[in-house]
């Protein structure tokens, strides 16, 4: 978090405006919530895929017992 953001929050808190932050935001629709959930799942699946790819490469390089 930048110092500028923190300074702005402290200033608004001192003026009594901190409680009103975010009131102008519109509520999240079902479609937006689902999109957000799917993006998180996709990111998690990509991380898992990358881990599996690295593990596969590691196992493929490991010497097998009984071979030269």
Protein backbone atom coordinates (compact mmCIF):
# COMPACT_ATOMS: atom_id res chain seq x y z
CA UNK A 1 0.00 0.00 0.00
CA UNK A 2 1.38 3.37 -0.88
CA UNK A 3 1.96 6.09 1.66
CA UNK A 4 -0.30 8.38 -0.34
CA UNK A 5 -3.25 6.00 0.07
CA UNK A 6 -2.66 5.67 3.78
CA UNK A 7 -2.41 9.45 4.16
CA UNK A 8 -5.70 9.90 2.30
CA UNK A 9 -7.42 7.34 4.58
CA UNK A 10 -6.12 9.01 7.72
CA UNK A 11 -7.28 12.41 6.44
CA UNK A 12 -10.75 11.09 5.67
CA UNK A 13 -10.95 9.35 9.04
CA UNK A 14 -10.12 12.61 10.81
CA UNK A 15 -12.84 14.38 8.80
CA UNK A 16 -15.36 11.66 9.61
CA UNK A 17 -15.66 10.60 5.98
CA UNK A 18 -14.11 7.15 6.30
CA UNK A 19 -17.45 5.46 7.06
CA UNK A 20 -18.89 6.69 3.76
CA UNK A 21 -16.16 5.15 1.61
CA UNK A 22 -17.55 2.64 -0.85
CA UNK A 23 -21.18 3.76 -0.52
CA UNK A 24 -21.17 4.91 -4.12
CA UNK A 25 -20.22 1.43 -5.30
CA UNK A 26 -22.92 -0.53 -7.02
CA UNK A 27 -23.71 -4.03 -5.76
CA UNK A 28 -22.02 -6.95 -7.48
CA UNK A 29 -24.35 -8.85 -9.79
CA UNK A 30 -24.62 -12.64 -9.82
CA UNK A 31 -22.89 -12.75 -13.18
CA UNK A 32 -19.96 -10.66 -11.90
CA UNK A 33 -19.65 -12.84 -8.81
CA UNK A 34 -19.60 -15.98 -10.96
CA UNK A 35 -17.01 -14.46 -13.29
CA UNK A 36 -14.81 -13.62 -10.32
CA UNK A 37 -15.17 -17.16 -8.93
CA UNK A 38 -14.33 -18.71 -12.30
CA UNK A 39 -11.26 -16.50 -12.68
CA UNK A 40 -10.01 -17.64 -9.25
CA UNK A 41 -10.62 -21.29 -10.18
CA UNK A 42 -8.79 -20.84 -13.48
CA UNK A 43 -5.81 -19.27 -11.74
CA UNK A 44 -5.71 -22.17 -9.26
CA UNK A 45 -5.94 -24.73 -12.07
CA UNK A 46 -3.06 -23.04 -13.89
CA UNK A 47 -0.89 -23.19 -10.77
CA UNK A 48 -1.72 -26.88 -10.33
CA UNK A 49 -0.93 -27.54 -14.00
CA UNK A 50 2.43 -25.81 -13.71
CA UNK A 51 3.31 -27.82 -10.60
CA UNK A 52 2.39 -31.07 -12.34
CA UNK A 53 4.45 -30.14 -15.40
CA UNK A 54 7.49 -29.45 -13.25
CA UNK A 55 6.99 -32.66 -11.29
CA UNK A 56 6.68 -34.66 -14.51
CA UNK A 57 9.89 -33.14 -15.87
CA UNK A 58 11.70 -33.90 -12.59
CA UNK A 59 10.54 -37.52 -12.53
CA UNK A 60 11.44 -37.97 -16.21
CA UNK A 61 15.02 -36.82 -15.52
CA UNK A 62 15.52 -39.02 -12.45
CA UNK A 63 17.58 -42.16 -13.09
CA UNK A 64 15.62 -45.38 -12.78
CA UNK A 65 16.98 -48.20 -10.65
CA UNK A 66 18.53 -50.99 -12.67
CA UNK A 67 19.39 -48.77 -15.64
CA UNK A 68 22.58 -46.98 -16.48
